[in-house]
All heavy atoms as atom14 arrays in JSON, in Angstrom:
{
  "sequence": "VRSDVLASAGAGHDDPQVLRRLYGDWHPEVRRVLDALGNTPIDWRTLL",
  "atom14_mask": [
    [1, 1, 1, 1, 1, 1, 1, 0, 0, 0, 0, 0, 0, 0],
    [1, 1, 1, 1, 1, 1, 1, 1, 1, 1, 1, 0, 0, 0],
    [1, 1, 1, 1, 1, 1, 0, 0, 0, 0, 0, 0, 0, 0],
    [1, 1, 1, 1, 1, 1, 1, 1, 0, 0, 0, 0, 0, 0],
    [1, 1, 1, 1, 1, 1, 1, 0, 0, 0, 0, 0, 0, 0],
    [1, 1, 1, 1, 1, 1, 1, 1, 0, 0, 0, 0, 0, 0],
    [1, 1, 1, 1, 1, 0, 0, 0, 0, 0, 0, 0, 0, 0],
    [1, 1, 1, 1, 1, 1, 0, 0, 0, 0, 0, 0, 0, 0],
    [1, 1, 1, 1, 1, 0, 0, 0, 0, 0, 0, 0, 0, 0],
    [1, 1, 1, 1, 0, 0, 0, 0, 0, 0, 0, 0, 0, 0],
    [1, 1, 1, 1, 1, 0, 0, 0, 0, 0, 0, 0, 0, 0],
    [1, 1, 1, 1, 0, 0, 0, 0, 0, 0, 0, 0, 0, 0],
    [1, 1, 1, 1, 1, 1, 1, 1, 1, 1, 0, 0, 0, 0],
    [1, 1, 1, 1, 1, 1, 1, 1, 0, 0, 0, 0, 0, 0],
    [1, 1, 1, 1, 1, 1, 1, 1, 0, 0, 0, 0, 0, 0],
    [1, 1, 1, 1, 1, 1, 1, 0, 0, 0, 0, 0, 0, 0],
    [1, 1, 1, 1, 1, 1, 1, 1, 1, 0, 0, 0, 0, 0],
    [1, 1, 1, 1, 1, 1, 1, 0, 0, 0, 0, 0, 0, 0],
    [1, 1, 1, 1, 1, 1, 1, 1, 0, 0, 0, 0, 0, 0],
    [1, 1, 1, 1, 1, 1, 1, 1, 1, 1, 1, 0, 0, 0],
    [1, 1, 1, 1, 1, 1, 1, 1, 1, 1, 1, 0, 0, 0],
    [1, 1, 1, 1, 1, 1, 1, 1, 0, 0, 0, 0, 0, 0],
    [1, 1, 1, 1, 1, 1, 1, 1, 1, 1, 1, 1, 0, 0],
    [1, 1, 1, 1, 0, 0, 0, 0, 0, 0, 0, 0, 0, 0],
    [1, 1, 1, 1, 1, 1, 1, 1, 0, 0, 0, 0, 0, 0],
    [1, 1, 1, 1, 1, 1, 1, 1, 1, 1, 1, 1, 1, 1],
    [1, 1, 1, 1, 1, 1, 1, 1, 1, 1, 0, 0, 0, 0],
    [1, 1, 1, 1, 1, 1, 1, 0, 0, 0, 0, 0, 0, 0],
    [1, 1, 1, 1, 1, 1, 1, 1, 1, 0, 0, 0, 0, 0],
    [1, 1, 1, 1, 1, 1, 1, 0, 0, 0, 0, 0, 0, 0],
    [1, 1, 1, 1, 1, 1, 1, 1, 1, 1, 1, 0, 0, 0],
    [1, 1, 1, 1, 1, 1, 1, 1, 1, 1, 1, 0, 0, 0],
    [1, 1, 1, 1, 1, 1, 1, 0, 0, 0, 0, 0, 0, 0],
    [1, 1, 1, 1, 1, 1, 1, 1, 0, 0, 0, 0, 0, 0],
    [1, 1, 1, 1, 1, 1, 1, 1, 0, 0, 0, 0, 0, 0],
    [1, 1, 1, 1, 1, 0, 0, 0, 0, 0, 0, 0, 0, 0],
    [1, 1, 1, 1, 1, 1, 1, 1, 0, 0, 0, 0, 0, 0],
    [1, 1, 1, 1, 0, 0, 0, 0, 0, 0, 0, 0, 0, 0],
    [1, 1, 1, 1, 1, 1, 1, 1, 0, 0, 0, 0, 0, 0],
    [1, 1, 1, 1, 1, 1, 1, 0, 0, 0, 0, 0, 0, 0],
    [1, 1, 1, 1, 1, 1, 1, 0, 0, 0, 0, 0, 0, 0],
    [1, 1, 1, 1, 1, 1, 1, 1, 0, 0, 0, 0, 0, 0],
    [1, 1, 1, 1, 1, 1, 1, 1, 0, 0, 0, 0, 0, 0],
    [1, 1, 1, 1, 1, 1, 1, 1, 1, 1, 1, 1, 1, 1],
    [1, 1, 1, 1, 1, 1, 1, 1, 1, 1, 1, 0, 0, 0],
    [1, 1, 1, 1, 1, 1, 1, 0, 0, 0, 0, 0, 0, 0],
    [1, 1, 1, 1, 1, 1, 1, 1, 0, 0, 0, 0, 0, 0],
    [1, 1, 1, 1, 1, 1, 1, 1, 0, 0, 0, 0, 0, 0]
  ],
  "atom14_positions": [
    [[4.34, -5.47, 5.55], [3.5, -6.56, 5.03], [4.38, -7.8, 4.86], [5.54, -7.69, 4.43], [2.89, -6.19, 3.66], [1.84, -7.21, 3.25], [2.32, -4.79, 3.67], [0.0, 0.0, 0.0], [0.0, 0.0, 0.0], [0.0, 0.0, 0.0], [0.0, 0.0, 0.0], [0.0, 0.0, 0.0], [0.0, 0.0, 0.0], [0.0, 0.0, 0.0]],
    [[3.83, -8.96, 5.2], [4.54, -10.2, 4.9], [4.79, -10.27, 3.39], [3.92, -9.92, 2.58], [3.73, -11.42, 5.34], [3.37, -11.49, 6.8], [4.56, -11.49, 7.74], [5.52, -12.54, 7.47], [6.68, -12.66, 8.11], [7.02, -11.77, 9.04], [7.49, -13.66, 7.83], [0.0, 0.0, 0.0], [0.0, 0.0, 0.0], [0.0, 0.0, 0.0]],
    [[5.97, -10.71, 3.01], [6.39, -10.63, 1.61], [5.46, -11.39, 0.68], [5.12, -10.91, -0.42], [7.82, -11.17, 1.47], [8.71, -10.44, 2.25], [0.0, 0.0, 0.0], [0.0, 0.0, 0.0], [0.0, 0.0, 0.0], [0.0, 0.0, 0.0], [0.0, 0.0, 0.0], [0.0, 0.0, 0.0], [0.0, 0.0, 0.0], [0.0, 0.0, 0.0]],
    [[5.01, -12.57, 1.08], [4.16, -13.36, 0.19], [2.77, -12.74, 0.06], [2.14, -12.82, -1.0], [4.06, -14.81, 0.67], [3.54, -14.94, 2.09], [3.62, -13.96, 2.85], [3.04, -16.03, 2.44], [0.0, 0.0, 0.0], [0.0, 0.0, 0.0], [0.0, 0.0, 0.0], [0.0, 0.0, 0.0], [0.0, 0.0, 0.0], [0.0, 0.0, 0.0]],
    [[2.3, -12.08, 1.13], [1.0, -11.39, 1.05], [1.09, -10.23, 0.07], [0.18, -10.0, -0.75], [0.57, -10.91, 2.44], [-0.66, -10.01, 2.36], [0.29, -12.1, 3.35], [0.0, 0.0, 0.0], [0.0, 0.0, 0.0], [0.0, 0.0, 0.0], [0.0, 0.0, 0.0], [0.0, 0.0, 0.0], [0.0, 0.0, 0.0], [0.0, 0.0, 0.0]],
    [[2.19, -9.49, 0.12], [2.36, -8.38, -0.8], [2.47, -8.88, -2.23], [1.89, -8.3, -3.15], [3.61, -7.58, -0.42], [3.84, -6.28, -1.19], [2.7, -5.31, -0.97], [5.16, -5.65, -0.76], [0.0, 0.0, 0.0], [0.0, 0.0, 0.0], [0.0, 0.0, 0.0], [0.0, 0.0, 0.0], [0.0, 0.0, 0.0], [0.0, 0.0, 0.0]],
    [[3.18, -9.97, -2.43], [3.32, -10.52, -3.78], [1.96, -10.94, -4.33], [1.68, -10.76, -5.52], [4.28, -11.71, -3.76], [0.0, 0.0, 0.0], [0.0, 0.0, 0.0], [0.0, 0.0, 0.0], [0.0, 0.0, 0.0], [0.0, 0.0, 0.0], [0.0, 0.0, 0.0], [0.0, 0.0, 0.0], [0.0, 0.0, 0.0], [0.0, 0.0, 0.0]],
    [[1.12, -11.49, -3.48], [-0.2, -11.94, -3.95], [-1.11, -10.77, -4.3], [-2.09, -10.94, -5.02], [-0.87, -12.81, -2.89], [-1.23, -12.05, -1.75], [0.0, 0.0, 0.0], [0.0, 0.0, 0.0], [0.0, 0.0, 0.0], [0.0, 0.0, 0.0], [0.0, 0.0, 0.0], [0.0, 0.0, 0.0], [0.0, 0.0, 0.0], [0.0, 0.0, 0.0]],
    [[-0.75, -9.56, -3.79], [-1.53, -8.37, -4.14], [-1.27, -7.93, -5.56], [-2.02, -7.13, -6.12], [-1.23, -7.23, -3.16], [0.0, 0.0, 0.0], [0.0, 0.0, 0.0], [0.0, 0.0, 0.0], [0.0, 0.0, 0.0], [0.0, 0.0, 0.0], [0.0, 0.0, 0.0], [0.0, 0.0, 0.0], [0.0, 0.0, 0.0], [0.0, 0.0, 0.0]],
    [[-0.17, -8.42, -6.16], [0.1, -8.21, -7.58], [0.29, -6.79, -8.0], [-0.36, -6.32, -8.93], [0.0, 0.0, 0.0], [0.0, 0.0, 0.0], [0.0, 0.0, 0.0], [0.0, 0.0, 0.0], [0.0, 0.0, 0.0], [0.0, 0.0, 0.0], [0.0, 0.0, 0.0], [0.0, 0.0, 0.0], [0.0, 0.0, 0.0], [0.0, 0.0, 0.0]],
    [[1.2, -6.05, -7.33], [1.4, -4.64, -7.66], [2.87, -4.34, -7.84], [3.74, -5.0, -7.28], [0.83, -3.75, -6.56], [0.0, 0.0, 0.0], [0.0, 0.0, 0.0], [0.0, 0.0, 0.0], [0.0, 0.0, 0.0], [0.0, 0.0, 0.0], [0.0, 0.0, 0.0], [0.0, 0.0, 0.0], [0.0, 0.0, 0.0], [0.0, 0.0, 0.0]],
    [[3.15, -3.32, -8.64], [4.5, -2.84, -8.8], [4.89, -1.93, -7.67], [4.06, -1.49, -6.86], [0.0, 0.0, 0.0], [0.0, 0.0, 0.0], [0.0, 0.0, 0.0], [0.0, 0.0, 0.0], [0.0, 0.0, 0.0], [0.0, 0.0, 0.0], [0.0, 0.0, 0.0], [0.0, 0.0, 0.0], [0.0, 0.0, 0.0], [0.0, 0.0, 0.0]],
    [[6.19, -1.61, -7.59], [6.71, -0.82, -6.48], [6.13, 0.59, -6.42], [6.12, 1.19, -5.36], [8.24, -0.74, -6.59], [8.91, -2.03, -6.25], [10.25, -2.14, -6.07], [8.42, -3.28, -6.07], [10.57, -3.39, -5.78], [9.48, -4.1, -5.79], [0.0, 0.0, 0.0], [0.0, 0.0, 0.0], [0.0, 0.0, 0.0], [0.0, 0.0, 0.0]],
    [[5.68, 1.12, -7.54], [5.19, 2.5, -7.54], [3.67, 2.57, -7.69], [3.13, 3.61, -8.08], [5.86, 3.29, -8.67], [5.61, 2.67, -10.05], [5.07, 1.55, -10.1], [5.98, 3.3, -11.05], [0.0, 0.0, 0.0], [0.0, 0.0, 0.0], [0.0, 0.0, 0.0], [0.0, 0.0, 0.0], [0.0, 0.0, 0.0], [0.0, 0.0, 0.0]],
    [[3.0, 1.49, -7.36], [1.55, 1.42, -7.54], [0.84, 1.64, -6.2], [0.83, 0.75, -5.34], [1.16, 0.07, -8.12], [-0.33, -0.04, -8.4], [-1.06, 0.95, -8.17], [-0.77, -1.12, -8.83], [0.0, 0.0, 0.0], [0.0, 0.0, 0.0], [0.0, 0.0, 0.0], [0.0, 0.0, 0.0], [0.0, 0.0, 0.0], [0.0, 0.0, 0.0]],
    [[0.25, 2.82, -5.97], [-0.43, 3.05, -4.69], [-1.67, 2.19, -4.5], [-2.17, 2.07, -3.38], [-0.79, 4.53, -4.75], [-0.85, 4.87, -6.2], [0.18, 4.0, -6.85], [0.0, 0.0, 0.0], [0.0, 0.0, 0.0], [0.0, 0.0, 0.0], [0.0, 0.0, 0.0], [0.0, 0.0, 0.0], [0.0, 0.0, 0.0], [0.0, 0.0, 0.0]],
    [[-2.15, 1.57, -5.57], [-3.34, 0.74, -5.45], [-3.09, -0.48, -4.57], [-4.04, -1.03, -4.0], [-3.83, 0.3, -6.83], [-4.35, 1.45, -7.69], [-5.43, 2.25, -6.99], [-6.36, 1.67, -6.4], [-5.33, 3.57, -7.03], [0.0, 0.0, 0.0], [0.0, 0.0, 0.0], [0.0, 0.0, 0.0], [0.0, 0.0, 0.0], [0.0, 0.0, 0.0]],
    [[-1.82, -0.9, -4.45], [-1.55, -2.04, -3.57], [-1.95, -1.7, -2.14], [-2.46, -2.54, -1.4], [-0.07, -2.45, -3.65], [0.86, -1.38, -3.06], [0.15, -3.77, -2.9], [0.0, 0.0, 0.0], [0.0, 0.0, 0.0], [0.0, 0.0, 0.0], [0.0, 0.0, 0.0], [0.0, 0.0, 0.0], [0.0, 0.0, 0.0], [0.0, 0.0, 0.0]],
    [[-1.75, -0.45, -1.73], [-2.13, -0.06, -0.38], [-3.65, -0.07, -0.21], [-4.16, -0.45, 0.85], [-1.57, 1.33, -0.07], [-0.04, 1.4, 0.03], [0.44, 2.83, -0.06], [0.43, 0.74, 1.32], [0.0, 0.0, 0.0], [0.0, 0.0, 0.0], [0.0, 0.0, 0.0], [0.0, 0.0, 0.0], [0.0, 0.0, 0.0], [0.0, 0.0, 0.0]],
    [[-4.36, 0.33, -1.25], [-5.83, 0.29, -1.17], [-6.33, -1.15, -1.08], [-7.29, -1.43, -0.36], [-6.43, 1.0, -2.37], [-6.04, 2.48, -2.44], [-6.77, 3.18, -3.58], [-6.29, 4.54, -3.72], [-6.67, 5.56, -2.95], [-7.53, 5.35, -1.98], [-6.18, 6.77, -3.15], [0.0, 0.0, 0.0], [0.0, 0.0, 0.0], [0.0, 0.0, 0.0]],
    [[-5.68, -2.05, -1.81], [-6.1, -3.45, -1.75], [-5.83, -4.06, -0.38], [-6.6, -4.89, 0.1], [-5.4, -4.25, -2.85], [-5.94, -3.96, -4.24], [-5.5, -5.0, -5.24], [-4.13, -4.84, -5.66], [-3.73, -4.02, -6.65], [-4.63, -3.27, -7.3], [-2.47, -3.95, -7.0], [0.0, 0.0, 0.0], [0.0, 0.0, 0.0], [0.0, 0.0, 0.0]],
    [[-4.74, -3.65, 0.24], [-4.36, -4.24, 1.53], [-5.04, -3.58, 2.72], [-5.29, -4.23, 3.73], [-2.84, -4.15, 1.7], [-2.0, -5.03, 0.77], [-0.53, -4.64, 0.87], [-2.17, -6.5, 1.13], [0.0, 0.0, 0.0], [0.0, 0.0, 0.0], [0.0, 0.0, 0.0], [0.0, 0.0, 0.0], [0.0, 0.0, 0.0], [0.0, 0.0, 0.0]],
    [[-5.31, -2.27, 2.61], [-5.75, -1.51, 3.78], [-7.03, -0.7, 3.54], [-7.47, 0.04, 4.43], [-4.66, -0.53, 4.22], [-3.35, -1.19, 4.55], [-2.28, -1.14, 3.64], [-3.15, -1.84, 5.76], [-1.06, -1.73, 3.95], [-1.94, -2.43, 6.07], [-0.9, -2.37, 5.15], [0.29, -2.96, 5.45], [0.0, 0.0, 0.0], [0.0, 0.0, 0.0]],
    [[-7.65, -0.84, 2.37], [-8.78, 0.02, 2.01], [-10.0, -0.13, 2.87], [-10.85, 0.77, 2.91], [0.0, 0.0, 0.0], [0.0, 0.0, 0.0], [0.0, 0.0, 0.0], [0.0, 0.0, 0.0], [0.0, 0.0, 0.0], [0.0, 0.0, 0.0], [0.0, 0.0, 0.0], [0.0, 0.0, 0.0], [0.0, 0.0, 0.0], [0.0, 0.0, 0.0]],
    [[-10.15, -1.24, 3.6], [-11.31, -1.43, 4.46], [-10.97, -1.24, 5.94], [-11.74, -1.62, 6.81], [-11.94, -2.8, 4.23], [-10.98, -3.95, 4.53], [-9.76, -3.69, 4.71], [-11.43, -5.12, 4.58], [0.0, 0.0, 0.0], [0.0, 0.0, 0.0], [0.0, 0.0, 0.0], [0.0, 0.0, 0.0], [0.0, 0.0, 0.0], [0.0, 0.0, 0.0]],
    [[-9.81, -0.64, 6.22], [-9.43, -0.38, 7.61], [-10.08, 0.92, 8.09], [-10.8, 1.58, 7.36], [-7.91, -0.35, 7.73], [-7.3, -1.75, 7.68], [-7.84, -2.86, 7.12], [-6.04, -2.16, 8.21], [-7.01, -3.94, 7.26], [-5.88, -3.54, 7.93], [-5.02, -1.5, 8.9], [-4.75, -4.27, 8.32], [-3.89, -2.22, 9.28], [-3.76, -3.59, 9.0]],
    [[-9.8, 1.31, 9.31], [-10.52, 2.4, 9.97], [-10.27, 3.76, 9.28], [-9.36, 3.9, 8.46], [-10.18, 2.46, 11.45], [-8.72, 2.67, 11.74], [-8.12, 3.9, 11.69], [-7.74, 1.78, 12.1], [-6.85, 3.79, 12.02], [-6.58, 2.52, 12.27], [0.0, 0.0, 0.0], [0.0, 0.0, 0.0], [0.0, 0.0, 0.0], [0.0, 0.0, 0.0]],
    [[-11.06, 4.78, 9.6], [-11.02, 6.04, 8.86], [-9.66, 6.75, 8.87], [-9.33, 7.43, 7.89], [-12.08, 6.9, 9.56], [-13.06, 5.92, 10.09], [-12.24, 4.74, 10.52], [0.0, 0.0, 0.0], [0.0, 0.0, 0.0], [0.0, 0.0, 0.0], [0.0, 0.0, 0.0], [0.0, 0.0, 0.0], [0.0, 0.0, 0.0], [0.0, 0.0, 0.0]],
    [[-8.86, 6.64, 9.92], [-7.56, 7.31, 9.92], [-6.66, 6.75, 8.83], [-5.92, 7.49, 8.18], [-6.9, 7.17, 11.3], [-7.59, 7.97, 12.39], [-6.9, 7.81, 13.74], [-5.72, 8.21, 13.85], [-7.53, 7.28, 14.67], [0.0, 0.0, 0.0], [0.0, 0.0, 0.0], [0.0, 0.0, 0.0], [0.0, 0.0, 0.0], [0.0, 0.0, 0.0]],
    [[-6.7, 5.43, 8.63], [-5.92, 4.82, 7.55], [-6.48, 5.24, 6.2], [-5.71, 5.61, 5.29], [-5.93, 3.28, 7.69], [-5.27, 2.63, 6.47], [-5.22, 2.86, 8.97], [0.0, 0.0, 0.0], [0.0, 0.0, 0.0], [0.0, 0.0, 0.0], [0.0, 0.0, 0.0], [0.0, 0.0, 0.0], [0.0, 0.0, 0.0], [0.0, 0.0, 0.0]],
    [[-7.79, 5.24, 6.05], [-8.38, 5.6, 4.77], [-8.1, 7.07, 4.42], [-7.94, 7.42, 3.26], [-9.89, 5.32, 4.78], [-10.22, 3.82, 4.91], [-11.62, 3.52, 4.41], [-12.64, 4.25, 5.17], [-13.21, 3.82, 6.29], [-12.82, 2.66, 6.83], [-14.14, 4.53, 6.9], [0.0, 0.0, 0.0], [0.0, 0.0, 0.0], [0.0, 0.0, 0.0]],
    [[-8.01, 7.92, 5.42], [-7.67, 9.33, 5.15], [-6.3, 9.44, 4.5], [-6.1, 10.2, 3.54], [-7.69, 10.12, 6.47], [-7.71, 11.65, 6.31], [-6.35, 12.31, 6.18], [-5.52, 12.21, 7.35], [-4.3, 12.72, 7.42], [-3.76, 13.35, 6.38], [-3.57, 12.57, 8.52], [0.0, 0.0, 0.0], [0.0, 0.0, 0.0], [0.0, 0.0, 0.0]],
    [[-5.33, 8.66, 4.98], [-4.0, 8.65, 4.38], [-4.05, 8.09, 2.96], [-3.46, 8.65, 2.03], [-3.01, 7.85, 5.25], [-1.69, 7.66, 4.53], [-2.79, 8.56, 6.58], [0.0, 0.0, 0.0], [0.0, 0.0, 0.0], [0.0, 0.0, 0.0], [0.0, 0.0, 0.0], [0.0, 0.0, 0.0], [0.0, 0.0, 0.0], [0.0, 0.0, 0.0]],
    [[-4.77, 7.0, 2.77], [-4.85, 6.4, 1.44], [-5.48, 7.37, 0.45], [-5.04, 7.47, -0.7], [-5.67, 5.11, 1.51], [-5.13, 3.99, 2.39], [-6.03, 2.77, 2.31], [-3.7, 3.62, 2.01], [0.0, 0.0, 0.0], [0.0, 0.0, 0.0], [0.0, 0.0, 0.0], [0.0, 0.0, 0.0], [0.0, 0.0, 0.0], [0.0, 0.0, 0.0]],
    [[-6.49, 8.1, 0.88], [-7.16, 9.06, -0.01], [-6.24, 10.22, -0.38], [-6.44, 10.86, -1.42], [-8.43, 9.6, 0.65], [-9.53, 8.55, 0.75], [-9.45, 7.54, 0.03], [-10.45, 8.74, 1.56], [0.0, 0.0, 0.0], [0.0, 0.0, 0.0], [0.0, 0.0, 0.0], [0.0, 0.0, 0.0], [0.0, 0.0, 0.0], [0.0, 0.0, 0.0]],
    [[-5.26, 10.51, 0.47], [-4.36, 11.63, 0.22], [-3.1, 11.24, -0.54], [-2.27, 12.11, -0.85], [-3.97, 12.28, 1.55], [0.0, 0.0, 0.0], [0.0, 0.0, 0.0], [0.0, 0.0, 0.0], [0.0, 0.0, 0.0], [0.0, 0.0, 0.0], [0.0, 0.0, 0.0], [0.0, 0.0, 0.0], [0.0, 0.0, 0.0], [0.0, 0.0, 0.0]],
    [[-2.93, 9.96, -0.87], [-1.68, 9.51, -1.49], [-1.38, 10.23, -2.79], [-0.27, 10.71, -3.01], [-1.73, 7.99, -1.73], [-1.41, 7.1, -0.55], [-1.67, 5.65, -0.9], [0.04, 7.28, -0.11], [0.0, 0.0, 0.0], [0.0, 0.0, 0.0], [0.0, 0.0, 0.0], [0.0, 0.0, 0.0], [0.0, 0.0, 0.0], [0.0, 0.0, 0.0]],
    [[-2.36, 10.28, -3.69], [-2.13, 10.9, -4.99], [-0.89, 10.32, -5.66], [-0.71, 9.11, -5.76], [0.0, 0.0, 0.0], [0.0, 0.0, 0.0], [0.0, 0.0, 0.0], [0.0, 0.0, 0.0], [0.0, 0.0, 0.0], [0.0, 0.0, 0.0], [0.0, 0.0, 0.0], [0.0, 0.0, 0.0], [0.0, 0.0, 0.0], [0.0, 0.0, 0.0]],
    [[0.02, 11.21, -6.09], [1.27, 10.78, -6.71], [2.47, 10.95, -5.79], [3.61, 11.06, -6.24], [1.5, 11.57, -8.01], [0.47, 11.25, -9.07], [0.09, 10.08, -9.24], [0.0, 12.27, -9.77], [0.0, 0.0, 0.0], [0.0, 0.0, 0.0], [0.0, 0.0, 0.0], [0.0, 0.0, 0.0], [0.0, 0.0, 0.0], [0.0, 0.0, 0.0]],
    [[2.21, 11.01, -4.48], [3.33, 11.16, -3.55], [4.25, 9.93, -3.63], [3.78, 8.81, -3.83], [2.84, 11.32, -2.1], [2.05, 10.18, -1.74], [2.01, 12.58, -1.95], [0.0, 0.0, 0.0], [0.0, 0.0, 0.0], [0.0, 0.0, 0.0], [0.0, 0.0, 0.0], [0.0, 0.0, 0.0], [0.0, 0.0, 0.0], [0.0, 0.0, 0.0]],
    [[5.57, 10.13, -3.49], [6.5, 8.99, -3.61], [6.27, 7.95, -2.51], [5.93, 8.29, -1.37], [7.88, 9.65, -3.45], [7.67, 11.09, -3.71], [6.27, 11.4, -3.28], [0.0, 0.0, 0.0], [0.0, 0.0, 0.0], [0.0, 0.0, 0.0], [0.0, 0.0, 0.0], [0.0, 0.0, 0.0], [0.0, 0.0, 0.0], [0.0, 0.0, 0.0]],
    [[6.48, 6.7, -2.89], [6.39, 5.59, -1.94], [7.76, 4.92, -1.88], [8.29, 4.47, -2.89], [5.32, 4.57, -2.36], [3.93, 5.22, -2.35], [5.34, 3.35, -1.43], [2.83, 4.32, -2.88], [0.0, 0.0, 0.0], [0.0, 0.0, 0.0], [0.0, 0.0, 0.0], [0.0, 0.0, 0.0], [0.0, 0.0, 0.0], [0.0, 0.0, 0.0]],
    [[8.34, 4.89, -0.69], [9.6, 4.17, -0.46], [9.27, 2.72, -0.17], [8.49, 2.42, 0.73], [10.35, 4.8, 0.72], [11.66, 4.09, 1.0], [12.65, 4.43, 0.37], [11.66, 3.19, 1.88], [0.0, 0.0, 0.0], [0.0, 0.0, 0.0], [0.0, 0.0, 0.0], [0.0, 0.0, 0.0], [0.0, 0.0, 0.0], [0.0, 0.0, 0.0]],
    [[9.84, 1.82, -0.92], [9.49, 0.39, -0.87], [10.78, -0.39, -0.71], [11.68, -0.27, -1.53], [8.79, 0.04, -2.18], [8.43, -1.38, -2.44], [9.23, -2.47, -2.35], [7.16, -1.86, -2.88], [8.56, -3.6, -2.71], [7.28, -3.25, -3.04], [5.95, -1.26, -3.16], [6.23, -4.05, -3.46], [4.89, -2.05, -3.59], [5.02, -3.42, -3.74]],
    [[10.9, -1.16, 0.35], [12.14, -1.92, 0.53], [11.89, -3.2, 1.33], [11.05, -3.24, 2.22], [13.22, -1.09, 1.2], [12.94, -0.64, 2.61], [13.99, 0.34, 3.08], [13.96, 1.58, 2.32], [14.96, 2.45, 2.28], [16.06, 2.22, 2.95], [14.86, 3.56, 1.57], [0.0, 0.0, 0.0], [0.0, 0.0, 0.0], [0.0, 0.0, 0.0]],
    [[12.67, -4.23, 0.98], [12.66, -5.47, 1.74], [13.35, -5.24, 3.08], [14.43, -4.64, 3.13], [13.4, -6.57, 0.96], [12.7, -6.81, -0.27], [13.46, -7.86, 1.75], [0.0, 0.0, 0.0], [0.0, 0.0, 0.0], [0.0, 0.0, 0.0], [0.0, 0.0, 0.0], [0.0, 0.0, 0.0], [0.0, 0.0, 0.0], [0.0, 0.0, 0.0]],
    [[12.74, -5.68, 4.15], [13.31, -5.46, 5.48], [14.34, -6.54, 5.82], [14.13, -7.74, 5.57], [12.21, -5.44, 6.53], [11.28, -4.23, 6.46], [10.19, -4.33, 7.52], [12.05, -2.93, 6.62], [0.0, 0.0, 0.0], [0.0, 0.0, 0.0], [0.0, 0.0, 0.0], [0.0, 0.0, 0.0], [0.0, 0.0, 0.0], [0.0, 0.0, 0.0]],
    [[15.44, -6.09, 6.4], [16.57, -6.94, 6.73], [17.05, -6.61, 8.13], [16.78, -5.53, 8.65], [17.73, -6.68, 5.75], [17.44, -6.73, 4.25], [18.58, -6.07, 3.48], [17.26, -8.17, 3.79], [0.0, 0.0, 0.0], [0.0, 0.0, 0.0], [0.0, 0.0, 0.0], [0.0, 0.0, 0.0], [0.0, 0.0, 0.0], [0.0, 0.0, 0.0]]
  ]
}
């Protein structure tokens, strides 16, 4: 995600809701992954 777009989503690094806000209306394969997130760890890093 572009950094400023992610910042505008207003979420912390361990908040899976940011993914729902960004991708929740995408096609069913993406939504299947989002629905399965639960408390699984999310690796979050700035790309360099």
